[in-house]
Amino acid sequence: RTVLLATGAAAFTVGCGEYGNEGDGDSGSNT
């Protein structure tokens, strides 16, 4: 259960947190 929860949280963070930044070269500008 711990492994599944940690994996899911990591995937969600990476999948949604960085969406839309492809190729813009300035990931800090979203704030």
Full PDB file with SEQRES, HELIX, SHEET, SSBOND, CRYST1, ORIGX, SCALE, CONECT and MASTER records, all heavy atoms in Angstrom:
SEQRES   1 A   31  ARG THR VAL LEU LEU ALA THR GLY ALA ALA ALA PHE THR          
SEQRES   2 A   31  VAL GLY CYS GLY GLU TYR GLY ASN GLU GLY ASP GLY ASP          
SEQRES   3 A   31  SER GLY SER ASN THR                                          
HELIX    1 AA1 THR A    2  GLY A   17  1                                  16    
HELIX    2 AA2 SER A   27  ASN A   30  5                                   4    
CRYST1    1.000    1.000    1.000  90.00  90.00  90.00 P 1           1          
ORIGX1      1.000000  0.000000  0.000000        0.00000                         
ORIGX2      0.000000  1.000000  0.000000        0.00000                         
ORIGX3      0.000000  0.000000  1.000000        0.00000                         
SCALE1      1.000000  0.000000  0.000000        0.00000                         
SCALE2      0.000000  1.000000  0.000000        0.00000                         
SCALE3      0.000000  0.000000  1.000000        0.00000                         
ATOM      1  N   ARG A   1       0.829  -1.210   0.000  1.00  0.00           N  
ATOM      2  CA  ARG A   1       0.000   0.000   0.000  1.00  0.00           C  
ATOM      3  C   ARG A   1       0.866   1.264   0.000  1.00  0.00           C  
ATOM      4  O   ARG A   1       0.599   2.215  -0.726  1.00  0.00           O  
ATOM      5  CB  ARG A   1      -0.921  -0.021   1.224  1.00  0.00           C  
ATOM      6  CG  ARG A   1      -1.807   1.185   1.295  1.00  0.00           C  
ATOM      7  CD  ARG A   1      -2.675   1.144   2.518  1.00  0.00           C  
ATOM      8  NE  ARG A   1      -3.431   2.364   2.582  1.00  0.00           N  
ATOM      9  CZ  ARG A   1      -4.668   2.465   2.976  1.00  0.00           C  
ATOM     10  NH1 ARG A   1      -5.313   1.397   3.370  1.00  0.00           N  
ATOM     11  NH2 ARG A   1      -5.279   3.611   3.009  1.00  0.00           N  
ATOM     12  N   THR A   2       1.915   1.289   0.809  1.00  0.00           N  
ATOM     13  CA  THR A   2       2.804   2.453   0.872  1.00  0.00           C  
ATOM     14  C   THR A   2       3.456   2.706  -0.481  1.00  0.00           C  
ATOM     15  O   THR A   2       3.523   3.838  -0.949  1.00  0.00           O  
ATOM     16  CB  THR A   2       3.882   2.251   1.952  1.00  0.00           C  
ATOM     17  OG1 THR A   2       3.233   2.023   3.192  1.00  0.00           O  
ATOM     18  CG2 THR A   2       4.806   3.446   2.050  1.00  0.00           C  
ATOM     19  N   VAL A   3       3.917   1.645  -1.125  1.00  0.00           N  
ATOM     20  CA  VAL A   3       4.561   1.789  -2.434  1.00  0.00           C  
ATOM     21  C   VAL A   3       3.563   2.322  -3.455  1.00  0.00           C  
ATOM     22  O   VAL A   3       3.860   3.239  -4.210  1.00  0.00           O  
ATOM     23  CB  VAL A   3       5.163   0.438  -2.898  1.00  0.00           C  
ATOM     24  CG1 VAL A   3       5.618   0.520  -4.346  1.00  0.00           C  
ATOM     25  CG2 VAL A   3       6.325   0.050  -2.005  1.00  0.00           C  
ATOM     26  N   LEU A   4       2.347   1.780  -3.466  1.00  0.00           N  
ATOM     27  CA  LEU A   4       1.335   2.239  -4.417  1.00  0.00           C  
ATOM     28  C   LEU A   4       0.958   3.698  -4.189  1.00  0.00           C  
ATOM     29  O   LEU A   4       0.831   4.474  -5.126  1.00  0.00           O  
ATOM     30  CB  LEU A   4       0.091   1.353  -4.346  1.00  0.00           C  
ATOM     31  CG  LEU A   4       0.265  -0.062  -4.904  1.00  0.00           C  
ATOM     32  CD1 LEU A   4      -0.984  -0.877  -4.650  1.00  0.00           C  
ATOM     33  CD2 LEU A   4       0.591  -0.023  -6.381  1.00  0.00           C  
ATOM     34  N   LEU A   5       0.780   4.084  -2.939  1.00  0.00           N  
ATOM     35  CA  LEU A   5       0.431   5.471  -2.630  1.00  0.00           C  
ATOM     36  C   LEU A   5       1.550   6.424  -3.039  1.00  0.00           C  
ATOM     37  O   LEU A   5       1.303   7.474  -3.628  1.00  0.00           O  
ATOM     38  CB  LEU A   5       0.105   5.633  -1.149  1.00  0.00           C  
ATOM     39  CG  LEU A   5      -1.221   5.026  -0.694  1.00  0.00           C  
ATOM     40  CD1 LEU A   5      -1.332   5.096   0.825  1.00  0.00           C  
ATOM     41  CD2 LEU A   5      -2.382   5.734  -1.339  1.00  0.00           C  
ATOM     42  N   ALA A   6       2.777   6.078  -2.738  1.00  0.00           N  
ATOM     43  CA  ALA A   6       3.917   6.938  -3.075  1.00  0.00           C  
ATOM     44  C   ALA A   6       4.083   7.050  -4.588  1.00  0.00           C  
ATOM     45  O   ALA A   6       4.333   8.129  -5.123  1.00  0.00           O  
ATOM     46  CB  ALA A   6       5.195   6.402  -2.442  1.00  0.00           C  
ATOM     47  N   THR A   7       3.911   5.934  -5.287  1.00  0.00           N  
ATOM     48  CA  THR A   7       4.044   5.945  -6.739  1.00  0.00           C  
ATOM     49  C   THR A   7       2.954   6.796  -7.369  1.00  0.00           C  
ATOM     50  O   THR A   7       3.207   7.593  -8.267  1.00  0.00           O  
ATOM     51  CB  THR A   7       3.988   4.502  -7.291  1.00  0.00           C  
ATOM     52  OG1 THR A   7       5.011   3.744  -6.665  1.00  0.00           O  
ATOM     53  CG2 THR A   7       4.176   4.481  -8.796  1.00  0.00           C  
ATOM     54  N   GLY A   8       1.723   6.653  -6.894  1.00  0.00           N  
ATOM     55  CA  GLY A   8       0.620   7.436  -7.432  1.00  0.00           C  
ATOM     56  C   GLY A   8       0.805   8.922  -7.198  1.00  0.00           C  
ATOM     57  O   GLY A   8       0.561   9.743  -8.073  1.00  0.00           O  
ATOM     58  N   ALA A   9       1.247   9.294  -6.003  1.00  0.00           N  
ATOM     59  CA  ALA A   9       1.471  10.705  -5.695  1.00  0.00           C  
ATOM     60  C   ALA A   9       2.571  11.283  -6.569  1.00  0.00           C  
ATOM     61  O   ALA A   9       2.459  12.399  -7.075  1.00  0.00           O  
ATOM     62  CB  ALA A   9       1.825  10.878  -4.218  1.00  0.00           C  
ATOM     63  N   ALA A  10       3.641  10.521  -6.780  1.00  0.00           N  
ATOM     64  CA  ALA A  10       4.740  10.999  -7.613  1.00  0.00           C  
ATOM     65  C   ALA A  10       4.277  11.171  -9.058  1.00  0.00           C  
ATOM     66  O   ALA A  10       4.591  12.155  -9.712  1.00  0.00           O  
ATOM     67  CB  ALA A  10       5.926  10.040  -7.541  1.00  0.00           C  
ATOM     68  N   ALA A  11       3.511  10.230  -9.570  1.00  0.00           N  
ATOM     69  CA  ALA A  11       3.019  10.319 -10.941  1.00  0.00           C  
ATOM     70  C   ALA A  11       2.095  11.512 -11.108  1.00  0.00           C  
ATOM     71  O   ALA A  11       2.155  12.230 -12.091  1.00  0.00           O  
ATOM     72  CB  ALA A  11       2.295   9.021 -11.327  1.00  0.00           C  
ATOM     73  N   PHE A  12       1.226  11.752 -10.134  1.00  0.00           N  
ATOM     74  CA  PHE A  12       0.309  12.888 -10.201  1.00  0.00           C  
ATOM     75  C   PHE A  12       1.090  14.189 -10.207  1.00  0.00           C  
ATOM     76  O   PHE A  12       0.841  15.073 -10.999  1.00  0.00           O  
ATOM     77  CB  PHE A  12      -0.673  12.855  -9.025  1.00  0.00           C  
ATOM     78  CG  PHE A  12      -1.617  14.019  -9.036  1.00  0.00           C  
ATOM     79  CD1 PHE A  12      -2.682  14.050  -9.914  1.00  0.00           C  
ATOM     80  CD2 PHE A  12      -1.423  15.098  -8.193  1.00  0.00           C  
ATOM     81  CE1 PHE A  12      -3.544  15.128  -9.948  1.00  0.00           C  
ATOM     82  CE2 PHE A  12      -2.279  16.175  -8.224  1.00  0.00           C  
ATOM     83  CZ  PHE A  12      -3.347  16.186  -9.104  1.00  0.00           C  
ATOM     84  N   THR A  13       2.080  14.313  -9.353  1.00  0.00           N  
ATOM     85  CA  THR A  13       2.881  15.529  -9.259  1.00  0.00           C  
ATOM     86  C   THR A  13       3.606  15.810 -10.560  1.00  0.00           C  
ATOM     87  O   THR A  13       3.583  16.914 -11.071  1.00  0.00           O  
ATOM     88  CB  THR A  13       3.899  15.417  -8.104  1.00  0.00           C  
ATOM     89  OG1 THR A  13       3.180  15.184  -6.913  1.00  0.00           O  
ATOM     90  CG2 THR A  13       4.730  16.674  -7.971  1.00  0.00           C  
ATOM     91  N   VAL A  14       4.235  14.799 -11.124  1.00  0.00           N  
ATOM     92  CA  VAL A  14       4.966  14.986 -12.366  1.00  0.00           C  
ATOM     93  C   VAL A  14       4.008  15.210 -13.520  1.00  0.00           C  
ATOM     94  O   VAL A  14       4.173  16.101 -14.322  1.00  0.00           O  
ATOM     95  CB  VAL A  14       5.879  13.769 -12.650  1.00  0.00           C  
ATOM     96  CG1 VAL A  14       6.477  13.861 -14.035  1.00  0.00           C  
ATOM     97  CG2 VAL A  14       6.970  13.690 -11.603  1.00  0.00           C  
ATOM     98  N   GLY A  15       2.954  14.428 -13.611  1.00  0.00           N  
ATOM     99  CA  GLY A  15       2.032  14.497 -14.737  1.00  0.00           C  
ATOM    100  C   GLY A  15       1.297  15.816 -14.823  1.00  0.00           C  
ATOM    101  O   GLY A  15       1.148  16.386 -15.888  1.00  0.00           O  
ATOM    102  N   CYS A  16       0.788  16.339 -13.723  1.00  0.00           N  
ATOM    103  CA  CYS A  16      -0.009  17.563 -13.776  1.00  0.00           C  
ATOM    104  C   CYS A  16       0.804  18.800 -13.451  1.00  0.00           C  
ATOM    105  O   CYS A  16       0.506  19.865 -13.924  1.00  0.00           O  
ATOM    106  CB  CYS A  16      -1.211  17.465 -12.830  1.00  0.00           C  
ATOM    107  SG  CYS A  16      -2.438  16.321 -13.456  1.00  0.00           S  
ATOM    108  N   GLY A  17       1.827  18.663 -12.630  1.00  0.00           N  
ATOM    109  CA  GLY A  17       2.583  19.828 -12.202  1.00  0.00           C  
ATOM    110  C   GLY A  17       3.394  20.454 -13.314  1.00  0.00           C  
ATOM    111  O   GLY A  17       3.613  21.649 -13.337  1.00  0.00           O  
ATOM    112  N   GLU A  18       3.821  19.669 -14.268  1.00  0.00           N  
ATOM    113  CA  GLU A  18       4.662  20.192 -15.328  1.00  0.00           C  
ATOM    114  C   GLU A  18       3.946  20.267 -16.659  1.00  0.00           C  
ATOM    115  O   GLU A  18       4.515  20.640 -17.647  1.00  0.00           O  
ATOM    116  CB  GLU A  18       5.913  19.306 -15.481  1.00  0.00           C  
ATOM    117  CG  GLU A  18       6.841  19.385 -14.284  1.00  0.00           C  
ATOM    118  CD  GLU A  18       7.400  20.777 -14.075  1.00  0.00           C  
ATOM    119  OE1 GLU A  18       7.809  21.428 -15.053  1.00  0.00           O  
ATOM    120  OE2 GLU A  18       7.423  21.229 -12.921  1.00  0.00           O  
ATOM    121  N   TYR A  19       2.676  19.900 -16.718  1.00  0.00           N  
ATOM    122  CA  TYR A  19       1.956  19.881 -17.987  1.00  0.00           C  
ATOM    123  C   TYR A  19       1.906  21.281 -18.582  1.00  0.00           C  
ATOM    124  O   TYR A  19       1.651  22.251 -17.905  1.00  0.00           O  
ATOM    125  CB  TYR A  19       0.527  19.367 -17.781  1.00  0.00           C  
ATOM    126  CG  TYR A  19      -0.211  19.233 -19.075  1.00  0.00           C  
ATOM    127  CD1 TYR A  19      -0.020  18.108 -19.862  1.00  0.00           C  
ATOM    128  CD2 TYR A  19      -1.035  20.229 -19.531  1.00  0.00           C  
ATOM    129  CE1 TYR A  19      -0.662  17.982 -21.062  1.00  0.00           C  
ATOM    130  CE2 TYR A  19      -1.676  20.114 -20.738  1.00  0.00           C  
ATOM    131  CZ  TYR A  19      -1.491  18.988 -21.505  1.00  0.00           C  
ATOM    132  OH  TYR A  19      -2.127  18.874 -22.699  1.00  0.00           O  
ATOM    133  N   GLY A  20       2.174  21.354 -19.863  1.00  0.00           N  
ATOM    134  CA  GLY A  20       2.078  22.630 -20.563  1.00  0.00           C  
ATOM    135  C   GLY A  20       3.384  23.398 -20.608  1.00  0.00           C  
ATOM    136  O   GLY A  20       3.448  24.462 -21.169  1.00  0.00           O  
ATOM    137  N   ASN A  21       4.458  22.856 -20.040  1.00  0.00           N  
ATOM    138  CA  ASN A  21       5.733  23.559 -20.049  1.00  0.00           C  
ATOM    139  C   ASN A  21       6.648  23.096 -21.168  1.00  0.00           C  
ATOM    140  O   ASN A  21       7.761  23.550 -21.264  1.00  0.00           O  
ATOM    141  CB  ASN A  21       6.467  23.360 -18.716  1.00  0.00           C  
ATOM    142  CG  ASN A  21       5.847  24.147 -17.606  1.00  0.00           C  
ATOM    143  OD1 ASN A  21       5.139  25.114 -17.849  1.00  0.00           O  
ATOM    144  ND2 ASN A  21       6.077  23.723 -16.386  1.00  0.00           N  
ATOM    145  N   GLU A  22       6.177  22.178 -22.008  1.00  0.00           N  
ATOM    146  CA  GLU A  22       7.050  21.633 -23.030  1.00  0.00           C  
ATOM    147  C   GLU A  22       7.561  22.726 -23.944  1.00  0.00           C  
ATOM    148  O   GLU A  22       6.782  23.496 -24.485  1.00  0.00           O  
ATOM    149  CB  GLU A  22       6.319  20.603 -23.908  1.00  0.00           C  
ATOM    150  CG  GLU A  22       5.576  19.535 -23.203  1.00  0.00           C  
ATOM    151  CD  GLU A  22       4.176  19.924 -22.777  1.00  0.00           C  
ATOM    152  OE1 GLU A  22       3.507  20.717 -23.459  1.00  0.00           O  
ATOM    153  OE2 GLU A  22       3.765  19.438 -21.734  1.00  0.00           O  
ATOM    154  N   GLY A  23       8.868  22.800 -24.066  1.00  0.00           N  
ATOM    155  CA  GLY A  23       9.465  23.675 -25.039  1.00  0.00           C  
ATOM    156  C   GLY A  23       9.473  25.152 -24.688  1.00  0.00           C  
ATOM    157  O   GLY A  23       9.921  25.950 -25.471  1.00  0.00           O  
ATOM    158  N   ASP A  24       8.973  25.542 -23.536  1.00  0.00           N  
ATOM    159  CA  ASP A  24       8.992  26.972 -23.251  1.00  0.00           C  
ATOM    160  C   ASP A  24      10.315  27.410 -22.638  1.00  0.00           C  
ATOM    161  O   ASP A  24      10.625  28.579 -22.627  1.00  0.00           O  
ATOM    162  CB  ASP A  24       7.801  27.419 -22.400  1.00  0.00           C  
ATOM    163  CG  ASP A  24       7.846  26.963 -20.953  1.00  0.00           C  
ATOM    164  OD1 ASP A  24       8.828  26.293 -20.566  1.00  0.00           O  
ATOM    165  OD2 ASP A  24       6.910  27.286 -20.216  1.00  0.00           O  
ATOM    166  N   GLY A  25      11.080  26.469 -22.087  1.00  0.00           N  
ATOM    167  CA  GLY A  25      12.404  26.770 -21.583  1.00  0.00           C  
ATOM    168  C   GLY A  25      12.439  27.624 -20.341  1.00  0.00           C  
ATOM    169  O   GLY A  25      13.494  28.019 -19.900  1.00  0.00           O  
ATOM    170  N   ASP A  26      11.286  27.946 -19.749  1.00  0.00           N  
ATOM    171  CA  ASP A  26      11.262  28.814 -18.578  1.00  0.00           C  
ATOM    172  C   ASP A  26      10.253  28.285 -17.577  1.00  0.00           C  
ATOM    173  O   ASP A  26       9.178  28.819 -17.420  1.00  0.00           O  
ATOM    174  CB  ASP A  26      10.897  30.247 -18.996  1.00  0.00           C  
ATOM    175  CG  ASP A  26      10.984  31.225 -17.846  1.00  0.00           C  
ATOM    176  OD1 ASP A  26      11.539  30.862 -16.795  1.00  0.00           O  
ATOM    177  OD2 ASP A  26      10.502  32.363 -17.999  1.00  0.00           O  
ATOM    178  N   SER A  27      10.615  27.206 -16.890  1.00  0.00           N  
ATOM    179  CA  SER A  27       9.665  26.558 -15.996  1.00  0.00           C  
ATOM    180  C   SER A  27       9.368  27.399 -14.763  1.00  0.00           C  
ATOM    181  O   SER A  27       8.353  27.202 -14.121  1.00  0.00           O  
ATOM    182  CB  SER A  27      10.179  25.181 -15.580  1.00  0.00           C  
ATOM    183  OG  SER A  27      11.405  25.313 -14.893  1.00  0.00           O  
ATOM    184  N   GLY A  28      10.181  28.372 -14.422  1.00  0.00           N  
ATOM    185  CA  GLY A  28       9.936  29.190 -13.243  1.00  0.00           C  
ATOM    186  C   GLY A  28       8.903  30.281 -13.469  1.00  0.00           C  
ATOM    187  O   GLY A  28       8.477  30.933 -12.545  1.00  0.00           O  
ATOM    188  N   SER A  29       8.469  30.495 -14.687  1.00  0.00           N  
ATOM    189  CA  SER A  29       7.575  31.608 -14.975  1.00  0.00           C  
ATOM    190  C   SER A  29       6.128  31.338 -14.600  1.00  0.00           C  
ATOM    191  O   SER A  29       5.314  32.234 -14.646  1.00  0.00           O  
ATOM    192  CB  SER A  29       7.662  31.980 -16.453  1.00  0.00           C  
ATOM    193  OG  SER A  29       7.197  30.900 -17.234  1.00  0.00           O  
ATOM    194  N   ASN A  30       5.771  30.114 -14.238  1.00  0.00           N  
ATOM    195  CA  ASN A  30       4.378  29.802 -13.943  1.00  0.00           C  
ATOM    196  C   ASN A  30       3.897  30.394 -12.630  1.00  0.00           C  
ATOM    197  O   ASN A  30       2.721  30.319 -12.329  1.00  0.00           O  
ATOM    198  CB  ASN A  30       4.162  28.294 -13.953  1.00  0.00           C  
ATOM    199  CG  ASN A  30       4.177  27.758 -15.364  1.00  0.00           C  
ATOM    200  OD1 ASN A  30       3.957  28.498 -16.312  1.00  0.00           O  
ATOM    201  ND2 ASN A  30       4.441  26.481 -15.505  1.00  0.00           N  
ATOM    202  N   THR A  31       4.763  30.982 -11.832  1.00  0.00           N  
ATOM    203  CA  THR A  31       4.344  31.531 -10.556  1.00  0.00           C  
ATOM    204  C   THR A  31       3.993  33.015 -10.650  1.00  0.00           C  
ATOM    205  O   THR A  31       3.554  33.595  -9.692  1.00  0.00           O  
ATOM    206  CB  THR A  31       5.441  31.344  -9.500  1.00  0.00           C  
ATOM    207  OG1 THR A  31       6.624  31.986  -9.956  1.00  0.00           O  
ATOM    208  CG2 THR A  31       5.716  29.868  -9.255  1.00  0.00           C  
TER     209      THR A  31                                                      
MASTER        0    0    0    2    0    0    0    6  208    1    0    3          
END                                                                             
